[in-house]
Amino acid sequence: QVYTFQRLSVSERGVFGWQAVCNTGFYFLLWAVQCILIFAMCAMYMKTADASITSGQTVFLAFYRSKFIHCLMPLEQTGRLIRNIFTICGLGIASAYTSRAHRHDSRSFAIVVMSAGLLFFFVEINNTVNDGILIAMSIIMLIWTLTELRKEVPYEAE
């Protein structure tokens, strides 16, 4: 990859920026597909379940009964939706920085740290502390990678 980037004369920041955008888009796509699948499964359940146990609120209640479903699609909890957006951006930036470190034959634990932060992802409905931790981790990851990119190292010829 390094040789290709040298021949194309693509800057390190450019490669990192495009990889961060691409990776963030892929994480957003993963989140969107998960939400669509959950809605599809709920629709399948509504079609197959007995009419006496379902109502107009069945899907809505499912989103509040399950921590997993509620954390993916938090409905009216705007703070949790913001947390999801920051987490997706943090994961995209961390994976782009890890790729950058591999190109320079060094190690980066950025993606490991952000992945470990996902332990705080599936929590109770009104747990704003864990939401704040994930948002803070994502912001710290953004600041840290931007400061590391300021120390841009040109590609080394092999």
N, C-alpha and C. Protein backbone atom coordinates (compact mmCIF):
# COMPACT_ATOMS: atom_id res chain seq x y z
N GLN A 1 0.81 -1.20 0.00
CA GLN A 1 0.00 0.00 0.00
C GLN A 1 0.85 1.26 0.00
N VAL A 2 1.93 1.24 0.77
CA VAL A 2 2.77 2.42 0.89
C VAL A 2 3.34 2.80 -0.47
N TYR A 3 3.81 1.81 -1.22
CA TYR A 3 4.37 2.10 -2.54
C TYR A 3 3.31 2.70 -3.46
N THR A 4 2.12 2.18 -3.41
CA THR A 4 1.02 2.72 -4.23
C THR A 4 0.74 4.16 -3.86
N PHE A 5 0.68 4.45 -2.56
CA PHE A 5 0.42 5.83 -2.13
C PHE A 5 1.56 6.76 -2.52
N GLN A 6 2.80 6.27 -2.51
CA GLN A 6 3.92 7.10 -2.93
C GLN A 6 3.82 7.42 -4.42
N ARG A 7 3.45 6.45 -5.21
CA ARG A 7 3.36 6.66 -6.66
C ARG A 7 2.20 7.58 -7.00
N LEU A 8 1.13 7.51 -6.25
CA LEU A 8 -0.02 8.37 -6.51
C LEU A 8 0.15 9.73 -5.86
N SER A 9 1.17 9.87 -5.10
CA SER A 9 1.46 11.08 -4.32
C SER A 9 0.23 11.56 -3.54
N VAL A 10 -0.36 10.63 -2.83
CA VAL A 10 -1.48 10.93 -1.94
C VAL A 10 -0.89 11.23 -0.57
N SER A 11 -1.31 12.31 0.03
CA SER A 11 -0.75 12.67 1.34
C SER A 11 -1.27 11.72 2.41
N GLU A 12 -0.49 11.60 3.47
CA GLU A 12 -0.88 10.74 4.60
C GLU A 12 -2.19 11.21 5.21
N ARG A 13 -2.35 12.52 5.31
CA ARG A 13 -3.60 13.06 5.86
C ARG A 13 -4.78 12.77 4.95
N GLY A 14 -4.55 12.82 3.66
CA GLY A 14 -5.62 12.51 2.72
C GLY A 14 -6.07 11.06 2.82
N VAL A 15 -5.09 10.17 2.91
CA VAL A 15 -5.41 8.74 3.04
C VAL A 15 -6.17 8.52 4.35
N PHE A 16 -5.67 9.11 5.44
CA PHE A 16 -6.34 8.95 6.73
C PHE A 16 -7.75 9.52 6.69
N GLY A 17 -7.91 10.68 6.11
CA GLY A 17 -9.22 11.31 6.05
C GLY A 17 -10.24 10.47 5.29
N TRP A 18 -9.83 9.97 4.13
CA TRP A 18 -10.75 9.15 3.35
C TRP A 18 -11.04 7.82 4.02
N GLN A 19 -10.03 7.24 4.67
CA GLN A 19 -10.28 5.99 5.38
C GLN A 19 -11.20 6.23 6.57
N ALA A 20 -11.03 7.34 7.26
CA ALA A 20 -11.90 7.64 8.40
C ALA A 20 -13.35 7.82 7.93
N VAL A 21 -13.54 8.53 6.82
CA VAL A 21 -14.89 8.73 6.29
C VAL A 21 -15.48 7.39 5.84
N CYS A 22 -14.69 6.60 5.14
CA CYS A 22 -15.16 5.30 4.65
C CYS A 22 -15.49 4.36 5.80
N ASN A 23 -14.60 4.26 6.79
CA ASN A 23 -14.84 3.38 7.93
C ASN A 23 -16.05 3.82 8.73
N THR A 24 -16.19 5.12 8.92
CA THR A 24 -17.36 5.64 9.64
C THR A 24 -18.63 5.30 8.88
N GLY A 25 -18.59 5.41 7.57
CA GLY A 25 -19.74 5.04 6.75
C GLY A 25 -20.08 3.57 6.88
N PHE A 26 -19.05 2.71 6.95
CA PHE A 26 -19.31 1.28 7.10
C PHE A 26 -19.90 0.97 8.48
N TYR A 27 -19.41 1.63 9.52
CA TYR A 27 -20.00 1.42 10.85
C TYR A 27 -21.44 1.93 10.90
N PHE A 28 -21.70 3.05 10.22
CA PHE A 28 -23.07 3.55 10.15
C PHE A 28 -23.95 2.56 9.39
N LEU A 29 -23.44 2.00 8.31
CA LEU A 29 -24.18 1.01 7.55
C LEU A 29 -24.49 -0.22 8.40
N LEU A 30 -23.53 -0.67 9.19
CA LEU A 30 -23.76 -1.80 10.10
C LEU A 30 -24.88 -1.49 11.08
N TRP A 31 -24.84 -0.30 11.66
CA TRP A 31 -25.88 0.12 12.61
C TRP A 31 -27.24 0.18 11.92
N ALA A 32 -27.29 0.73 10.71
CA ALA A 32 -28.55 0.86 9.99
C ALA A 32 -29.12 -0.51 9.62
N VAL A 33 -28.27 -1.42 9.19
CA VAL A 33 -28.74 -2.77 8.85
C VAL A 33 -29.28 -3.48 10.09
N GLN A 34 -28.61 -3.30 11.22
CA GLN A 34 -29.10 -3.91 12.45
C GLN A 34 -30.48 -3.37 12.81
N CYS A 35 -30.67 -2.07 12.69
CA CYS A 35 -31.97 -1.47 12.99
C CYS A 35 -33.04 -1.96 12.03
N ILE A 36 -32.71 -2.04 10.75
CA ILE A 36 -33.67 -2.51 9.75
C ILE A 36 -34.05 -3.97 10.03
N LEU A 37 -33.07 -4.80 10.37
CA LEU A 37 -33.36 -6.19 10.68
C LEU A 37 -34.25 -6.32 11.91
N ILE A 38 -34.02 -5.47 12.90
CA ILE A 38 -34.87 -5.53 14.10
C ILE A 38 -36.30 -5.15 13.75
N PHE A 39 -36.48 -4.10 12.96
CA PHE A 39 -37.83 -3.73 12.52
C PHE A 39 -38.47 -4.84 11.70
N ALA A 40 -37.68 -5.49 10.84
CA ALA A 40 -38.22 -6.58 10.02
C ALA A 40 -38.64 -7.76 10.89
N MET A 41 -37.83 -8.08 11.89
CA MET A 41 -38.20 -9.18 12.79
C MET A 41 -39.44 -8.84 13.60
N CYS A 42 -39.55 -7.59 14.01
CA CYS A 42 -40.76 -7.17 14.72
C CYS A 42 -41.99 -7.27 13.81
N ALA A 43 -41.83 -6.90 12.56
CA ALA A 43 -42.95 -7.00 11.61
C ALA A 43 -43.33 -8.46 11.37
N MET A 44 -42.32 -9.33 11.28
CA MET A 44 -42.61 -10.76 11.13
C MET A 44 -43.34 -11.30 12.35
N TYR A 45 -42.93 -10.88 13.52
CA TYR A 45 -43.60 -11.32 14.74
C TYR A 45 -45.04 -10.85 14.76
N MET A 46 -45.26 -9.61 14.37
CA MET A 46 -46.63 -9.07 14.38
C MET A 46 -47.53 -9.84 13.41
N LYS A 47 -46.97 -10.32 12.29
CA LYS A 47 -47.78 -11.08 11.33
C LYS A 47 -48.08 -12.49 11.83
N THR A 48 -47.13 -13.10 12.52
CA THR A 48 -47.29 -14.49 12.93
C THR A 48 -47.91 -14.66 14.31
N ALA A 49 -47.82 -13.64 15.16
CA ALA A 49 -48.33 -13.77 16.52
C ALA A 49 -49.85 -13.71 16.54
N ASP A 50 -50.40 -14.27 17.57
CA ASP A 50 -51.85 -14.26 17.75
C ASP A 50 -52.32 -12.82 17.99
N ALA A 51 -53.41 -12.46 17.40
CA ALA A 51 -53.92 -11.09 17.51
C ALA A 51 -54.30 -10.72 18.93
N SER A 52 -54.55 -11.72 19.76
CA SER A 52 -54.94 -11.42 21.14
C SER A 52 -53.77 -10.96 22.00
N ILE A 53 -52.53 -11.26 21.58
CA ILE A 53 -51.38 -10.84 22.38
C ILE A 53 -50.63 -9.66 21.77
N THR A 54 -51.02 -9.21 20.62
CA THR A 54 -50.35 -8.06 19.99
C THR A 54 -51.30 -6.86 19.97
N SER A 55 -50.69 -5.70 19.93
CA SER A 55 -51.46 -4.46 19.83
C SER A 55 -50.64 -3.46 19.03
N GLY A 56 -51.11 -2.26 18.95
CA GLY A 56 -50.39 -1.21 18.25
C GLY A 56 -49.12 -0.80 18.97
N GLN A 57 -48.99 -1.19 20.23
CA GLN A 57 -47.84 -0.81 21.04
C GLN A 57 -46.81 -1.94 21.17
N THR A 58 -47.01 -3.06 20.54
CA THR A 58 -46.13 -4.22 20.72
C THR A 58 -44.69 -3.91 20.32
N VAL A 59 -44.51 -3.34 19.16
CA VAL A 59 -43.15 -3.02 18.70
C VAL A 59 -42.54 -1.95 19.59
N PHE A 60 -43.31 -0.94 19.92
CA PHE A 60 -42.83 0.12 20.79
C PHE A 60 -42.37 -0.44 22.12
N LEU A 61 -43.16 -1.33 22.71
CA LEU A 61 -42.79 -1.94 23.98
C LEU A 61 -41.57 -2.83 23.86
N ALA A 62 -41.41 -3.49 22.73
CA ALA A 62 -40.23 -4.33 22.53
C ALA A 62 -38.95 -3.50 22.60
N PHE A 63 -39.01 -2.27 22.10
CA PHE A 63 -37.83 -1.41 22.13
C PHE A 63 -37.49 -0.95 23.55
N TYR A 64 -38.43 -0.96 24.43
CA TYR A 64 -38.14 -0.58 25.81
C TYR A 64 -37.87 -1.78 26.70
N ARG A 65 -38.29 -2.96 26.31
CA ARG A 65 -38.05 -4.16 27.12
C ARG A 65 -36.64 -4.69 26.93
N SER A 66 -36.10 -4.58 25.75
CA SER A 66 -34.79 -5.15 25.44
C SER A 66 -33.73 -4.06 25.47
N LYS A 67 -32.69 -4.27 26.29
CA LYS A 67 -31.59 -3.30 26.34
C LYS A 67 -30.88 -3.22 24.98
N PHE A 68 -30.70 -4.37 24.34
CA PHE A 68 -30.00 -4.41 23.06
C PHE A 68 -30.73 -3.57 22.02
N ILE A 69 -32.02 -3.82 21.88
CA ILE A 69 -32.79 -3.09 20.87
C ILE A 69 -32.85 -1.61 21.21
N HIS A 70 -33.05 -1.29 22.50
CA HIS A 70 -33.18 0.11 22.89
C HIS A 70 -31.87 0.87 22.69
N CYS A 71 -30.74 0.20 22.92
CA CYS A 71 -29.46 0.89 22.74
C CYS A 71 -29.15 1.12 21.26
N LEU A 72 -29.61 0.22 20.40
CA LEU A 72 -29.40 0.43 18.97
C LEU A 72 -30.28 1.55 18.43
N MET A 73 -31.55 1.52 18.82
CA MET A 73 -32.51 2.54 18.36
C MET A 73 -33.21 3.09 19.60
N PRO A 74 -32.69 4.19 20.17
CA PRO A 74 -33.19 4.66 21.46
C PRO A 74 -34.50 5.43 21.43
N LEU A 75 -35.15 5.51 20.29
CA LEU A 75 -36.45 6.18 20.17
C LEU A 75 -36.37 7.62 20.66
N GLU A 76 -36.96 7.96 21.79
CA GLU A 76 -37.03 9.37 22.19
C GLU A 76 -35.85 9.83 23.03
N GLN A 77 -34.90 8.98 23.32
CA GLN A 77 -33.72 9.37 24.09
C GLN A 77 -32.68 9.99 23.15
N THR A 78 -32.73 11.28 23.01
CA THR A 78 -31.83 11.99 22.10
C THR A 78 -30.38 11.85 22.52
N GLY A 79 -30.13 11.86 23.82
CA GLY A 79 -28.77 11.72 24.31
C GLY A 79 -28.14 10.41 23.90
N ARG A 80 -28.92 9.35 23.93
CA ARG A 80 -28.39 8.05 23.53
C ARG A 80 -28.16 7.99 22.02
N LEU A 81 -29.00 8.65 21.25
CA LEU A 81 -28.79 8.71 19.80
C LEU A 81 -27.51 9.49 19.48
N ILE A 82 -27.27 10.57 20.21
CA ILE A 82 -26.02 11.33 20.06
C ILE A 82 -24.83 10.45 20.43
N ARG A 83 -24.99 9.66 21.49
CA ARG A 83 -23.93 8.73 21.90
C ARG A 83 -23.64 7.76 20.77
N ASN A 84 -24.67 7.23 20.13
CA ASN A 84 -24.47 6.29 19.02
C ASN A 84 -23.70 6.94 17.87
N ILE A 85 -24.04 8.17 17.56
CA ILE A 85 -23.36 8.87 16.47
C ILE A 85 -21.89 9.11 16.82
N PHE A 86 -21.63 9.56 18.04
CA PHE A 86 -20.24 9.78 18.46
C PHE A 86 -19.46 8.47 18.48
N THR A 87 -20.09 7.39 18.92
CA THR A 87 -19.42 6.09 18.96
C THR A 87 -19.08 5.61 17.56
N ILE A 88 -20.00 5.76 16.63
CA ILE A 88 -19.75 5.37 15.24
C ILE A 88 -18.58 6.17 14.67
N CYS A 89 -18.56 7.48 14.93
CA CYS A 89 -17.46 8.32 14.44
C CYS A 89 -16.14 7.93 15.11
N GLY A 90 -16.17 7.67 16.41
CA GLY A 90 -14.96 7.27 17.12
C GLY A 90 -14.41 5.95 16.61
N LEU A 91 -15.28 4.99 16.34
CA LEU A 91 -14.82 3.72 15.78
C LEU A 91 -14.24 3.89 14.39
N GLY A 92 -14.84 4.74 13.57
CA GLY A 92 -14.32 4.98 12.23
C GLY A 92 -12.95 5.63 12.26
N ILE A 93 -12.77 6.61 13.13
CA ILE A 93 -11.49 7.29 13.25
C ILE A 93 -10.43 6.35 13.83
N ALA A 94 -10.82 5.57 14.84
CA ALA A 94 -9.86 4.64 15.46
C ALA A 94 -9.40 3.57 14.47
N SER A 95 -10.31 3.06 13.66
CA SER A 95 -9.91 2.04 12.70
C SER A 95 -9.03 2.64 11.59
N ALA A 96 -9.29 3.88 11.21
CA ALA A 96 -8.43 4.54 10.22
C ALA A 96 -7.04 4.79 10.80
N TYR A 97 -6.98 5.18 12.07
CA TYR A 97 -5.68 5.43 12.68
C TYR A 97 -4.90 4.13 12.85
N THR A 98 -5.59 3.04 13.18
CA THR A 98 -4.93 1.74 13.32
C THR A 98 -4.36 1.30 11.97
N SER A 99 -5.10 1.55 10.91
CA SER A 99 -4.60 1.23 9.57
C SER A 99 -3.36 2.07 9.24
N ARG A 100 -3.39 3.33 9.63
CA ARG A 100 -2.24 4.22 9.41
C ARG A 100 -1.02 3.70 10.16
N ALA A 101 -1.23 3.24 11.39
CA ALA A 101 -0.11 2.72 12.18
C ALA A 101 0.47 1.47 11.54
N HIS A 102 -0.36 0.61 10.99
CA HIS A 102 0.13 -0.60 10.32
C HIS A 102 0.94 -0.25 9.08
N ARG A 103 0.55 0.79 8.37
CA ARG A 103 1.32 1.20 7.19
C ARG A 103 2.71 1.70 7.57
N HIS A 104 2.85 2.20 8.79
CA HIS A 104 4.15 2.70 9.26
C HIS A 104 4.86 1.70 10.15
N ASP A 105 4.44 0.45 10.11
CA ASP A 105 5.04 -0.63 10.89
C ASP A 105 5.10 -0.32 12.38
N SER A 106 4.07 0.31 12.88
CA SER A 106 3.98 0.54 14.32
C SER A 106 2.66 -0.02 14.81
N ARG A 107 2.45 0.07 16.10
CA ARG A 107 1.23 -0.48 16.67
C ARG A 107 0.37 0.64 17.21
N SER A 108 -0.91 0.42 17.09
CA SER A 108 -1.88 1.35 17.65
C SER A 108 -2.98 0.54 18.31
N PHE A 109 -3.32 0.95 19.51
CA PHE A 109 -4.39 0.27 20.23
C PHE A 109 -5.66 1.11 20.22
N ALA A 110 -5.76 2.02 19.26
CA ALA A 110 -6.93 2.91 19.20
C ALA A 110 -8.21 2.12 19.00
N ILE A 111 -8.19 1.17 18.08
CA ILE A 111 -9.42 0.41 17.82
C ILE A 111 -9.72 -0.52 18.99
N VAL A 112 -8.71 -1.00 19.68
CA VAL A 112 -8.93 -1.86 20.85
C VAL A 112 -9.59 -1.06 21.96
N VAL A 113 -9.13 0.17 22.16
CA VAL A 113 -9.71 1.03 23.21
C VAL A 113 -11.16 1.36 22.87
N MET A 114 -11.44 1.72 21.64
CA MET A 114 -12.82 2.03 21.26
C MET A 114 -13.70 0.77 21.31
N SER A 115 -13.15 -0.36 20.95
CA SER A 115 -13.94 -1.60 21.03
C SER A 115 -14.22 -1.97 22.48
N ALA A 116 -13.24 -1.72 23.35
CA ALA A 116 -13.47 -1.97 24.78
C ALA A 116 -14.54 -1.03 25.32
N GLY A 117 -14.64 0.15 24.75
CA GLY A 117 -15.68 1.09 25.16
C GLY A 117 -17.07 0.59 24.84
N LEU A 118 -17.16 -0.35 23.90
CA LEU A 118 -18.48 -0.91 23.58
C LEU A 118 -19.04 -1.74 24.72
N LEU A 119 -18.22 -2.03 25.73
CA LEU A 119 -18.75 -2.69 26.94
C LEU A 119 -19.76 -1.79 27.63
N PHE A 120 -19.66 -0.48 27.39
CA PHE A 120 -20.59 0.48 27.97
C PHE A 120 -21.79 0.74 27.06
N PHE A 121 -21.89 0.01 25.96
CA PHE A 121 -22.92 0.30 24.96
C PHE A 121 -24.29 -0.20 25.38
N PHE A 122 -24.39 -1.45 25.79
CA PHE A 122 -25.69 -2.04 26.12
C PHE A 122 -25.94 -1.91 27.62
N VAL A 123 -26.54 -0.80 27.99
CA VAL A 123 -26.79 -0.49 29.40
C VAL A 123 -28.27 -0.19 29.60
N GLU A 124 -28.63 0.04 30.82
CA GLU A 124 -30.02 0.34 31.15
C GLU A 124 -30.47 1.62 30.44
N ILE A 125 -31.78 1.85 30.44
CA ILE A 125 -32.36 2.94 29.66
C ILE A 125 -31.88 4.31 30.11
N ASN A 126 -31.89 4.61 31.37
CA ASN A 126 -31.54 5.96 31.83
C ASN A 126 -30.15 6.04 32.41
N ASN A 127 -29.20 5.31 31.88
CA ASN A 127 -27.83 5.31 32.37
C ASN A 127 -27.01 6.34 31.59
N THR A 128 -27.06 7.57 32.03
CA THR A 128 -26.37 8.65 31.31
C THR A 128 -24.87 8.66 31.59
N VAL A 129 -24.43 8.02 32.67
CA VAL A 129 -23.00 7.98 32.98
C VAL A 129 -22.26 7.20 31.90
N ASN A 130 -22.75 6.02 31.57
CA ASN A 130 -22.09 5.22 30.53
C ASN A 130 -22.18 5.88 29.16
N ASP A 131 -23.29 6.57 28.90
CA ASP A 131 -23.40 7.32 27.65
C ASP A 131 -22.33 8.40 27.60
N GLY A 132 -22.12 9.10 28.71
CA GLY A 132 -21.09 10.13 28.79
C GLY A 132 -19.69 9.57 28.61
N ILE A 133 -19.47 8.37 29.15
CA ILE A 133 -18.15 7.73 29.01
C ILE A 133 -17.87 7.44 27.54
N LEU A 134 -18.84 6.90 26.83
CA LEU A 134 -18.64 6.60 25.40
C LEU A 134 -18.45 7.87 24.58
N ILE A 135 -19.21 8.90 24.88
CA ILE A 135 -19.03 10.17 24.16
C ILE A 135 -17.65 10.74 24.44
N ALA A 136 -17.22 10.71 25.71
CA ALA A 136 -15.90 11.22 26.07
C ALA A 136 -14.79 10.41 25.40
N MET A 137 -14.94 9.09 25.36
CA MET A 137 -13.93 8.26 24.69
C MET A 137 -13.83 8.62 23.21
N SER A 138 -14.96 8.85 22.59
CA SER A 138 -14.95 9.18 21.16
C SER A 138 -14.31 10.55 20.91
N ILE A 139 -14.60 11.52 21.77
CA ILE A 139 -14.01 12.85 21.61
C ILE A 139 -12.50 12.79 21.88
N ILE A 140 -12.10 12.04 22.90
CA ILE A 140 -10.67 11.90 23.20
C ILE A 140 -9.96 11.22 22.04
N MET A 141 -10.61 10.21 21.45
CA MET A 141 -10.02 9.52 20.30
C MET A 141 -9.83 10.50 19.14
N LEU A 142 -10.81 11.34 18.89
CA LEU A 142 -10.72 12.33 17.82
C LEU A 142 -9.57 13.31 18.08
N ILE A 143 -9.50 13.85 19.28
CA ILE A 143 -8.44 14.81 19.62
C ILE A 143 -7.07 14.15 19.54
N TRP A 144 -6.97 12.94 20.06
CA TRP A 144 -5.69 12.24 20.07
C TRP A 144 -5.20 11.96 18.65
N THR A 145 -6.10 11.48 17.79
CA THR A 145 -5.67 11.18 16.42
C THR A 145 -5.31 12.45 15.66
N LEU A 146 -6.02 13.55 15.91
CA LEU A 146 -5.67 14.79 15.23
C LEU A 146 -4.31 15.31 15.68
N THR A 147 -3.99 15.16 16.97
CA THR A 147 -2.66 15.58 17.43
C THR A 147 -1.57 14.66 16.89
N GLU A 148 -1.87 13.38 16.74
CA GLU A 148 -0.89 12.46 16.16
C GLU A 148 -0.68 12.76 14.68
N LEU A 149 -1.74 13.16 13.99
CA LEU A 149 -1.60 13.47 12.57
C LEU A 149 -0.81 14.74 12.33
N ARG A 150 -0.77 15.61 13.33
CA ARG A 150 0.06 16.82 13.19
C ARG A 150 1.53 16.46 13.10
N LYS A 151 1.88 15.32 13.70
CA LYS A 151 3.25 14.83 13.62
C LYS A 151 3.41 13.94 12.41
N GLU A 152 2.91 14.40 11.26
CA GLU A 152 2.86 13.57 10.07
C GLU A 152 4.25 13.11 9.67
N VAL A 153 4.35 11.81 9.48
CA VAL A 153 5.60 11.20 9.02
C VAL A 153 5.40 10.85 7.55
N PRO A 154 6.27 11.33 6.69
CA PRO A 154 6.11 10.97 5.27
C PRO A 154 6.35 9.48 5.05
N TYR A 155 5.81 8.98 3.98
CA TYR A 155 6.02 7.57 3.64
C TYR A 155 7.50 7.35 3.41
N GLU A 156 7.99 6.23 3.90
CA GLU A 156 9.39 5.91 3.72
C GLU A 156 9.55 5.04 2.48
N ALA A 157 10.54 5.35 1.70
CA ALA A 157 10.83 4.54 0.51
C ALA A 157 11.47 3.24 0.96
N GLU A 158 11.03 2.16 0.36
CA GLU A 158 11.58 0.85 0.75
C GLU A 158 12.53 0.33 -0.28
